[in-house]
N, C-alpha and C. Protein backbone atom coordinates (compact mmCIF):
# COMPACT_ATOMS: atom_id res chain seq x y z
N MET A 1 72.15 -15.99 27.89
CA MET A 1 71.04 -15.59 28.53
C MET A 1 70.50 -14.38 28.78
N THR A 2 69.15 -13.88 28.69
CA THR A 2 68.94 -12.76 28.74
C THR A 2 68.75 -12.07 30.34
N ASP A 3 69.36 -10.91 30.36
CA ASP A 3 69.58 -10.43 32.13
C ASP A 3 68.29 -9.75 32.23
N ILE A 4 67.24 -9.98 33.41
CA ILE A 4 66.52 -9.57 33.63
C ILE A 4 66.51 -8.96 34.80
N ARG A 5 66.07 -7.70 35.25
CA ARG A 5 66.27 -6.74 36.53
C ARG A 5 64.29 -6.57 36.49
N VAL A 6 64.20 -6.25 37.65
CA VAL A 6 63.14 -5.81 38.07
C VAL A 6 63.31 -4.52 38.94
N ARG A 7 62.34 -3.40 38.78
CA ARG A 7 62.25 -2.11 38.99
C ARG A 7 60.94 -1.69 38.84
N MET A 8 60.27 -0.88 39.98
CA MET A 8 58.90 0.01 39.98
C MET A 8 58.75 1.45 39.00
N LYS A 9 57.74 0.66 37.91
CA LYS A 9 57.41 2.10 37.31
C LYS A 9 57.66 3.28 37.53
N PRO A 10 58.56 4.07 37.03
CA PRO A 10 59.23 5.20 37.31
C PRO A 10 57.75 6.72 37.20
N GLY A 11 57.52 7.17 38.71
CA GLY A 11 56.22 7.39 38.90
C GLY A 11 55.30 7.01 39.90
N SER A 12 55.29 5.69 39.81
CA SER A 12 54.51 4.93 40.74
C SER A 12 54.95 5.57 42.20
N ARG A 13 53.73 4.91 43.12
CA ARG A 13 54.31 5.21 44.27
C ARG A 13 54.68 4.39 45.21
N TYR A 14 55.64 3.32 44.41
CA TYR A 14 56.43 2.43 44.71
C TYR A 14 58.00 2.74 44.65
N HIS A 15 58.79 2.40 45.48
CA HIS A 15 60.14 2.76 45.57
C HIS A 15 60.99 1.51 44.87
N ASP A 16 62.18 1.57 44.10
CA ASP A 16 62.80 0.45 43.38
C ASP A 16 63.28 -1.03 44.20
N SER A 17 63.20 0.13 45.50
CA SER A 17 63.97 -0.67 46.48
C SER A 17 62.75 -1.88 47.14
N GLU A 18 61.88 -1.73 46.61
CA GLU A 18 60.47 -2.31 47.18
C GLU A 18 60.44 -3.75 46.01
N ALA A 19 61.06 -3.68 44.76
CA ALA A 19 60.37 -4.06 43.77
C ALA A 19 60.58 -5.55 43.91
N LEU A 20 62.03 -6.26 44.49
CA LEU A 20 61.98 -7.62 44.57
C LEU A 20 61.12 -8.18 45.20
N THR A 21 60.48 -7.72 46.90
CA THR A 21 59.84 -7.70 47.36
C THR A 21 58.19 -8.38 46.95
N ILE A 22 57.67 -6.67 45.99
CA ILE A 22 56.53 -6.99 45.40
C ILE A 22 56.58 -8.13 44.65
N GLU A 23 57.64 -7.93 43.48
CA GLU A 23 57.27 -9.15 42.49
C GLU A 23 57.43 -10.46 42.99
N ALA A 24 58.00 -10.53 44.02
CA ALA A 24 58.18 -11.94 44.76
C ALA A 24 56.63 -12.20 45.12
N GLY A 25 56.19 -11.37 45.93
CA GLY A 25 55.06 -11.80 46.38
C GLY A 25 53.86 -11.72 45.41
N LEU A 26 53.92 -10.72 44.20
CA LEU A 26 52.88 -11.01 43.35
C LEU A 26 53.37 -12.57 42.42
N ALA A 27 54.31 -12.90 41.84
CA ALA A 27 54.88 -14.24 41.70
C ALA A 27 54.33 -15.76 42.51
N ALA A 28 54.46 -15.32 43.58
CA ALA A 28 53.67 -16.15 44.50
C ALA A 28 52.32 -16.62 44.45
N VAL A 29 52.00 -15.47 43.80
CA VAL A 29 50.02 -15.13 43.64
C VAL A 29 49.36 -15.96 42.48
N ALA A 30 50.67 -15.76 41.53
CA ALA A 30 50.00 -15.96 39.90
C ALA A 30 49.98 -17.22 39.73
N ASN A 31 48.70 -17.94 38.91
CA ASN A 31 48.28 -18.83 38.51
C ASN A 31 49.43 -19.84 37.93
N ALA A 32 49.31 -21.03 36.96
CA ALA A 32 50.40 -21.68 36.58
C ALA A 32 50.82 -20.88 35.07
N GLU A 33 50.07 -20.16 34.73
CA GLU A 33 50.14 -19.10 33.39
C GLU A 33 50.67 -17.99 33.63
N GLY A 34 51.33 -17.21 34.93
CA GLY A 34 51.64 -16.17 35.33
C GLY A 34 50.40 -15.30 35.22
N TYR A 35 49.29 -15.83 35.34
CA TYR A 35 48.19 -14.68 35.34
C TYR A 35 47.98 -14.18 36.70
N LEU A 36 48.00 -12.95 36.77
CA LEU A 36 47.08 -12.29 38.29
C LEU A 36 46.22 -11.76 38.16
N ALA A 37 45.05 -12.23 39.08
CA ALA A 37 43.77 -11.89 39.21
C ALA A 37 43.59 -10.53 40.89
N PRO A 38 43.58 -9.25 40.46
CA PRO A 38 43.48 -8.50 41.81
C PRO A 38 42.69 -8.83 42.79
N PRO A 39 41.58 -9.67 42.83
CA PRO A 39 40.84 -10.06 43.97
C PRO A 39 42.10 -11.03 44.98
N GLU A 40 42.80 -12.05 44.03
CA GLU A 40 43.46 -13.42 44.83
C GLU A 40 44.47 -12.57 45.35
N VAL A 41 44.90 -11.24 44.70
CA VAL A 41 46.36 -10.67 45.28
C VAL A 41 46.16 -9.73 46.70
N VAL A 42 45.09 -9.48 46.80
CA VAL A 42 44.28 -8.95 47.88
C VAL A 42 43.82 -10.49 49.12
N ASP A 43 43.20 -11.08 48.51
CA ASP A 43 43.24 -12.13 49.81
C ASP A 43 44.61 -12.58 50.42
N ALA A 44 45.48 -12.89 49.34
CA ALA A 44 47.09 -13.37 49.89
C ALA A 44 47.60 -12.31 50.52
N ALA A 45 47.72 -11.22 50.44
CA ALA A 45 48.05 -10.00 51.17
C ALA A 45 47.38 -10.12 52.47
N ARG A 46 46.43 -10.22 52.57
CA ARG A 46 45.63 -9.86 53.76
C ARG A 46 46.34 -10.45 55.23
N PRO A 47 46.53 -11.48 55.39
CA PRO A 47 47.59 -12.09 56.57
C PRO A 47 48.42 -10.87 57.04
N ALA A 48 48.88 -10.84 58.42
CA ALA A 48 49.34 -9.55 58.49
C ALA A 48 51.08 -9.96 58.37
N ASN A 49 51.90 -11.28 58.21
CA ASN A 49 52.84 -11.72 57.90
C ASN A 49 52.80 -11.81 56.24
N ALA A 50 51.98 -11.51 55.75
CA ALA A 50 52.10 -11.75 54.20
C ALA A 50 53.18 -10.76 53.44
N PRO A 51 53.92 -11.12 52.71
CA PRO A 51 55.07 -10.16 52.10
C PRO A 51 54.43 -8.71 51.48
N LEU A 52 52.91 -8.83 50.76
CA LEU A 52 51.95 -7.74 50.08
C LEU A 52 51.51 -6.73 51.39
N HIS A 53 50.92 -7.67 52.34
CA HIS A 53 49.98 -6.88 53.43
C HIS A 53 50.52 -5.49 53.55
N PRO A 54 51.77 -4.86 53.46
CA PRO A 54 52.08 -3.30 54.07
C PRO A 54 51.97 -2.46 52.96
N TYR A 55 51.07 -3.25 51.77
CA TYR A 55 51.00 -2.10 50.70
C TYR A 55 49.47 -2.09 50.25
N PHE A 56 48.80 -2.55 51.28
CA PHE A 56 47.62 -1.98 51.21
C PHE A 56 46.86 -1.67 52.73
N GLU A 57 45.89 -0.81 52.24
CA GLU A 57 45.09 -0.43 53.36
C GLU A 57 44.41 -1.11 54.12
N TRP A 58 44.44 -1.66 55.38
CA TRP A 58 43.44 -2.43 56.30
C TRP A 58 42.21 -2.26 57.28
N ASP A 59 42.96 -0.98 57.35
CA ASP A 59 41.45 -0.34 58.24
C ASP A 59 40.52 -0.04 57.15
N ASP A 60 39.56 -0.81 57.41
CA ASP A 60 38.11 -0.61 56.42
C ASP A 60 37.58 0.80 56.41
N ARG A 61 37.46 1.58 57.72
CA ARG A 61 36.71 2.91 57.23
C ARG A 61 37.68 3.79 56.41
N ILE A 62 38.95 3.60 56.27
CA ILE A 62 40.10 4.61 55.56
C ILE A 62 39.76 3.63 54.34
N ALA A 63 39.59 2.83 53.94
CA ALA A 63 39.78 1.72 52.84
C ALA A 63 38.53 2.07 51.92
N ALA A 64 37.62 2.53 52.49
CA ALA A 64 36.05 2.69 52.14
C ALA A 64 35.92 3.97 52.14
N ARG A 65 36.25 4.80 52.51
CA ARG A 65 36.46 6.39 51.96
C ARG A 65 37.50 6.26 50.93
N ASN A 66 38.71 5.44 50.78
CA ASN A 66 39.61 6.03 49.64
C ASN A 66 38.72 5.08 48.38
N HIS A 67 37.92 4.11 48.52
CA HIS A 67 37.25 3.63 47.39
C HIS A 67 36.24 4.26 47.09
N ARG A 68 35.20 5.25 47.91
CA ARG A 68 34.35 6.05 47.10
C ARG A 68 35.27 7.40 47.06
N ILE A 69 36.20 7.67 46.96
CA ILE A 69 36.75 8.89 46.26
C ILE A 69 36.92 7.96 45.24
N ASP A 70 38.04 7.27 45.11
CA ASP A 70 38.10 6.53 43.60
C ASP A 70 36.68 6.29 42.41
N GLN A 71 35.79 5.84 43.37
CA GLN A 71 34.50 5.70 42.41
C GLN A 71 33.79 7.41 42.19
N ALA A 72 34.06 8.44 42.95
CA ALA A 72 34.01 9.87 42.75
C ALA A 72 34.84 10.20 41.32
N ARG A 73 36.03 9.68 41.43
CA ARG A 73 36.97 10.14 40.40
C ARG A 73 36.49 9.45 38.98
N HIS A 74 35.81 8.44 39.30
CA HIS A 74 35.29 7.57 38.39
C HIS A 74 34.17 8.13 37.64
N LEU A 75 33.73 8.73 38.50
CA LEU A 75 31.90 9.30 37.87
C LEU A 75 32.16 10.92 37.15
N ILE A 76 33.27 11.08 37.83
CA ILE A 76 33.52 12.73 37.20
C ILE A 76 34.12 12.18 35.85
N ARG A 77 35.20 11.53 35.92
CA ARG A 77 35.90 11.32 34.48
C ARG A 77 34.68 10.30 33.34
N ALA A 78 33.86 10.09 34.15
CA ALA A 78 32.92 9.07 32.93
C ALA A 78 31.88 10.13 32.09
N VAL A 79 31.63 11.70 32.77
CA VAL A 79 30.93 12.50 31.92
C VAL A 79 31.33 13.25 30.71
N GLU A 80 30.98 12.79 29.33
CA GLU A 80 31.37 13.62 28.23
C GLU A 80 30.37 14.46 27.73
N VAL A 81 30.40 15.63 26.97
CA VAL A 81 29.67 16.37 27.00
C VAL A 81 29.51 16.32 24.89
N HIS A 82 28.46 16.80 24.39
CA HIS A 82 28.73 16.51 22.76
C HIS A 82 28.73 17.43 22.22
N ILE A 83 30.14 18.38 21.74
CA ILE A 83 30.23 19.35 20.91
C ILE A 83 30.14 19.34 19.68
N VAL A 84 29.51 20.65 18.92
CA VAL A 84 29.83 20.85 17.72
C VAL A 84 30.67 21.77 17.42
N ARG A 85 31.94 21.85 16.77
CA ARG A 85 32.54 22.62 16.86
C ARG A 85 32.24 23.77 15.42
N ASP A 86 32.76 25.19 15.21
CA ASP A 86 32.39 26.01 14.28
C ASP A 86 32.75 25.41 13.12
N ASP A 87 33.54 24.44 12.71
CA ASP A 87 33.65 23.79 11.11
C ASP A 87 32.60 22.76 11.10
N GLY A 88 31.87 22.62 12.13
CA GLY A 88 30.34 21.74 12.05
C GLY A 88 30.76 20.06 12.14
N VAL A 89 32.31 20.11 12.86
CA VAL A 89 32.52 18.49 13.33
C VAL A 89 31.87 18.40 14.63
N ALA A 90 31.27 17.33 14.38
CA ALA A 90 30.92 17.22 15.70
C ALA A 90 31.61 16.03 16.69
N GLN A 91 31.61 16.16 18.03
CA GLN A 91 32.57 15.02 18.84
C GLN A 91 31.95 15.23 20.00
N TRP A 92 32.46 13.58 20.89
CA TRP A 92 31.95 13.57 22.23
C TRP A 92 33.54 13.69 22.74
N GLN A 93 33.53 15.04 24.03
CA GLN A 93 34.91 15.14 24.76
C GLN A 93 34.48 15.15 26.54
N PRO A 94 35.43 14.69 27.26
CA PRO A 94 35.22 15.36 28.49
C PRO A 94 34.54 16.55 28.98
N LYS A 95 33.64 16.42 30.06
CA LYS A 95 33.32 17.69 30.18
C LYS A 95 34.17 17.90 31.17
N TYR A 96 35.00 17.44 32.40
CA TYR A 96 35.78 17.84 33.13
C TYR A 96 37.50 17.26 33.05
N GLU A 97 38.29 18.30 33.08
CA GLU A 97 39.76 17.96 33.45
C GLU A 97 40.08 18.01 34.41
N ASN A 98 41.04 16.85 34.96
CA ASN A 98 42.14 17.16 36.12
C ASN A 98 43.14 17.93 35.98
N VAL A 99 43.03 18.80 37.09
CA VAL A 99 44.46 20.09 36.81
C VAL A 99 44.53 20.19 38.50
N ILE A 100 45.66 20.76 38.92
CA ILE A 100 46.23 21.58 39.81
C ILE A 100 45.58 22.78 40.29
N VAL A 101 45.03 23.55 41.27
CA VAL A 101 44.73 24.37 40.70
C VAL A 101 45.12 24.98 42.62
N VAL A 102 45.70 26.17 42.62
CA VAL A 102 45.83 27.17 44.10
C VAL A 102 44.51 27.88 44.59
N ARG A 103 44.17 27.34 46.07
CA ARG A 103 43.55 27.62 46.95
C ARG A 103 43.47 28.48 48.11
N ALA A 104 42.95 29.38 48.15
CA ALA A 104 43.47 30.30 49.49
C ALA A 104 41.96 29.79 50.13
N SER A 105 42.21 29.89 51.54
CA SER A 105 41.52 29.64 52.82
C SER A 105 41.61 30.93 53.86
N GLU A 106 40.42 31.16 53.60
CA GLU A 106 39.82 32.36 54.35
C GLU A 106 40.12 32.58 55.45
N ASP A 107 39.57 31.37 55.90
CA ASP A 107 39.70 31.31 57.56
C ASP A 107 40.92 30.72 58.05
N GLU A 108 41.54 30.11 57.50
CA GLU A 108 43.27 29.92 58.20
C GLU A 108 44.17 31.25 57.74
N GLY A 109 43.92 31.60 56.48
CA GLY A 109 45.19 32.68 55.74
C GLY A 109 46.01 31.72 55.19
N THR A 110 45.94 30.21 54.50
CA THR A 110 46.98 29.84 53.92
C THR A 110 46.43 29.43 52.49
N VAL A 111 47.58 29.38 51.91
CA VAL A 111 47.09 28.80 50.25
C VAL A 111 47.85 27.80 49.75
N THR A 112 47.18 26.55 49.24
CA THR A 112 47.29 25.19 49.08
C THR A 112 46.82 25.02 47.70
N LYS A 113 48.14 24.14 47.29
CA LYS A 113 47.64 23.52 45.57
C LYS A 113 46.97 21.92 45.93
N GLU A 114 45.97 22.15 45.15
CA GLU A 114 44.86 21.09 45.30
C GLU A 114 44.60 20.42 43.84
N ARG A 115 44.60 18.69 43.59
CA ARG A 115 43.99 18.54 42.56
C ARG A 115 42.42 18.40 42.19
N VAL A 116 41.98 19.03 41.52
CA VAL A 116 40.75 18.92 41.30
C VAL A 116 40.39 18.56 39.63
N TYR A 117 38.55 18.26 39.28
CA TYR A 117 37.87 18.43 38.16
C TYR A 117 37.74 19.79 37.56
N ALA A 118 38.00 20.38 36.50
CA ALA A 118 37.45 21.56 36.52
C ALA A 118 36.89 21.35 34.75
N PRO A 119 35.69 22.22 34.92
CA PRO A 119 34.86 21.74 33.42
C PRO A 119 35.80 22.44 32.32
N LEU A 120 35.71 21.84 31.20
CA LEU A 120 36.66 22.30 30.24
C LEU A 120 36.39 24.13 29.56
N PRO A 121 35.61 24.17 29.46
CA PRO A 121 35.36 25.79 29.72
C PRO A 121 36.18 26.74 30.20
N VAL A 122 36.45 26.21 31.83
CA VAL A 122 37.13 26.93 32.73
C VAL A 122 38.21 26.84 32.50
N VAL A 123 38.78 25.66 31.91
CA VAL A 123 40.28 25.44 31.66
C VAL A 123 40.53 26.05 30.66
N ARG A 124 39.55 26.36 29.33
CA ARG A 124 39.91 27.16 28.26
C ARG A 124 40.38 28.64 28.53
N THR A 125 39.88 28.96 29.38
CA THR A 125 40.25 30.63 29.97
C THR A 125 41.45 31.13 30.95
N ALA A 126 41.84 29.61 31.37
CA ALA A 126 42.97 29.77 32.44
C ALA A 126 44.21 29.55 31.83
N PRO A 127 45.32 30.18 31.07
CA PRO A 127 46.35 29.94 30.70
C PRO A 127 47.25 28.46 31.50
N ALA A 128 47.31 28.83 32.65
CA ALA A 128 47.87 27.80 33.40
C ALA A 128 47.04 26.51 33.37
N LEU A 129 46.12 26.64 33.35
CA LEU A 129 45.31 24.85 33.11
C LEU A 129 45.56 24.63 32.05
N ILE A 130 45.29 25.39 30.53
CA ILE A 130 45.39 24.95 29.28
C ILE A 130 46.82 24.30 29.13
N ASP A 131 48.29 24.86 29.93
CA ASP A 131 49.60 24.59 29.93
C ASP A 131 49.59 22.85 30.76
N GLN A 132 48.76 22.64 31.99
CA GLN A 132 48.48 21.67 32.51
C GLN A 132 48.15 20.59 31.65
N VAL A 133 46.91 20.41 31.10
CA VAL A 133 46.23 19.70 30.30
C VAL A 133 47.00 19.47 28.85
N ALA A 134 47.57 20.31 28.42
CA ALA A 134 48.43 20.22 27.07
C ALA A 134 49.68 19.38 27.23
N ASN A 135 50.30 19.74 28.75
CA ASN A 135 51.80 18.89 29.03
C ASN A 135 51.66 17.41 29.35
N ARG A 136 50.14 17.13 30.12
CA ARG A 136 49.19 15.97 30.25
C ARG A 136 49.15 15.06 28.77
N LEU A 137 48.57 15.69 27.82
CA LEU A 137 48.12 15.05 26.78
C LEU A 137 50.23 14.68 26.16
N GLU A 138 50.92 15.79 26.17
CA GLU A 138 52.12 15.63 25.31
C GLU A 138 52.89 14.22 26.35
N ARG A 139 52.84 13.96 27.60
CA ARG A 139 53.38 13.30 28.60
C ARG A 139 52.56 11.92 27.86
N ASP A 140 51.48 11.79 27.73
CA ASP A 140 50.94 10.54 27.17
C ASP A 140 51.01 10.11 26.17
N LEU A 141 51.28 10.91 24.83
CA LEU A 141 51.95 10.60 23.42
C LEU A 141 53.45 9.87 23.92
N ILE A 142 53.99 10.35 24.57
CA ILE A 142 55.55 10.17 24.89
C ILE A 142 55.11 8.35 25.41
N ALA A 143 54.45 8.68 26.81
CA ALA A 143 54.28 7.52 27.21
C ALA A 143 53.40 6.39 26.46
N ALA A 144 52.58 6.91 25.32
CA ALA A 144 52.16 5.53 24.21
C ALA A 144 53.50 4.98 23.69
N HIS A 145 54.34 6.05 23.32
CA HIS A 145 55.37 5.85 22.50
C HIS A 145 56.47 5.09 23.32
N GLN A 146 56.50 4.95 24.34
CA GLN A 146 57.73 4.38 25.01
C GLN A 146 57.26 2.75 25.33
N ARG A 147 55.63 2.74 25.65
CA ARG A 147 55.11 1.42 25.65
C ARG A 147 55.11 0.58 24.58
N TYR A 148 54.76 1.46 23.57
CA TYR A 148 55.13 0.48 22.20
C TYR A 148 56.77 0.23 21.87
N MET A 149 57.78 1.24 22.56
CA MET A 149 59.06 0.87 22.09
C MET A 149 59.55 -0.49 23.02
N GLN A 150 58.91 -0.73 24.25
CA GLN A 150 58.75 -1.63 24.88
C GLN A 150 58.36 -3.33 23.94
N TYR A 151 57.57 -3.27 23.20
CA TYR A 151 57.19 -4.35 22.27
C TYR A 151 57.67 -4.41 20.75
N ALA A 152 58.56 -3.12 20.75
CA ALA A 152 58.75 -3.14 19.30
C ALA A 152 59.34 -4.08 18.39
N HIS A 153 60.45 -4.78 19.28
CA HIS A 153 61.12 -6.24 18.83
C HIS A 153 60.02 -7.15 18.90
N VAL A 154 58.69 -6.96 19.24
CA VAL A 154 57.81 -8.58 18.77
C VAL A 154 57.57 -8.18 17.69
N PRO A 155 57.57 -8.95 16.80
CA PRO A 155 57.27 -8.38 15.16
C PRO A 155 55.50 -8.36 15.43
N GLU A 156 54.42 -9.33 16.05
CA GLU A 156 53.13 -9.00 16.00
C GLU A 156 52.90 -7.78 16.45
N PHE A 157 53.26 -7.02 17.29
CA PHE A 157 53.18 -5.76 17.66
C PHE A 157 53.73 -4.45 16.88
N ARG A 158 55.17 -4.95 16.36
CA ARG A 158 55.59 -3.90 15.71
C ARG A 158 54.73 -3.56 13.97
N ASP A 159 54.28 -4.73 13.83
CA ASP A 159 53.92 -5.07 12.29
C ASP A 159 52.70 -4.33 12.60
N ARG A 160 51.90 -4.21 13.39
CA ARG A 160 50.35 -4.02 13.44
C ARG A 160 50.34 -2.23 13.68
N PHE A 161 51.43 -1.85 14.69
CA PHE A 161 51.41 -0.35 15.10
C PHE A 161 52.60 0.28 14.37
N ALA A 162 53.51 0.20 13.37
CA ALA A 162 54.58 0.62 12.61
C ALA A 162 54.05 1.77 12.12
N GLN A 163 53.31 1.88 11.58
CA GLN A 163 52.40 3.18 10.60
C GLN A 163 51.61 4.27 11.94
N LEU A 164 51.25 3.72 12.97
CA LEU A 164 50.44 4.70 13.84
C LEU A 164 51.65 5.21 14.68
N MET A 165 52.95 4.59 15.09
CA MET A 165 53.97 5.00 15.84
C MET A 165 54.66 5.89 14.98
N ALA A 166 55.05 5.79 13.74
CA ALA A 166 55.53 6.85 12.92
C ALA A 166 54.78 7.94 13.48
N GLN A 167 53.57 7.81 13.06
CA GLN A 167 52.67 9.54 13.48
C GLN A 167 52.79 10.03 14.82
N VAL A 168 52.94 9.19 15.52
CA VAL A 168 53.19 9.40 16.92
C VAL A 168 54.61 9.89 17.21
N GLU A 169 55.60 9.79 16.42
CA GLU A 169 57.07 10.00 16.47
C GLU A 169 57.33 11.72 15.96
N ALA A 170 56.72 11.85 14.73
CA ALA A 170 56.35 12.70 14.12
C ALA A 170 56.01 13.95 14.97
N LEU A 171 55.02 13.52 15.98
CA LEU A 171 54.45 14.81 16.58
C LEU A 171 55.03 15.02 18.10
N ILE A 172 56.16 14.16 18.73
CA ILE A 172 56.91 14.28 19.50
C ILE A 172 58.58 14.56 19.27
N GLY A 173 58.31 14.34 17.93
CA GLY A 173 59.89 14.85 17.36
C GLY A 173 60.82 13.59 17.89
N LYS A 174 60.42 12.68 17.56
CA LYS A 174 61.69 11.39 17.48
C LYS A 174 61.99 11.16 16.02
C-alpha cells in the first residue's frame, strides 16, 4: 500500500494544518473523474458553514478590488517589447519585471518595501533588482526541476523530458 499524505505547497498562503480540511473540501466538490472546476469550488464554498468558506473573501467590495488588482497584474505582465540585441538576434521579452523596492514616504517619514513592476531598463541599472530577477529565474529553474522529479517515475513524462531535464540539471548544478 502506498503511503499518501497531504500538505500545502511550500510557499503557499495556506498552512499544513489546513491541508486535510482543504483537501476534503475540494474532494467533495470534484466530479466522478476527480476534476475540479474553480467556479464549482467557489459555489460550494459559498454557504457560511461550508469547509472551504473561510478561504475566500466574501465581502464583494474587497473581492472586487482584489480582482481588479489581479487584472492589473495580468495587464502589466502581458506587455512585451521587441528587442534586437547587439549580435542581431531579435526576441520578445517582458517590458516589466516584478521586484521589491524600498520607498520612502516624505509625508510620514517612513521607509517601506513594496512589490512593484519595474521596466527592464530600470532593472538593468540597479544591482539589487538584477539580483532579484536572477534569483527568481534560478528559483524557477529549480522549481521546474522539482516539478519534473515529481513525475520522473512515470515513463510517459520521463521519456519525453529526460534530455531537457539533463540540461536543467547541468544549469542548476545537480
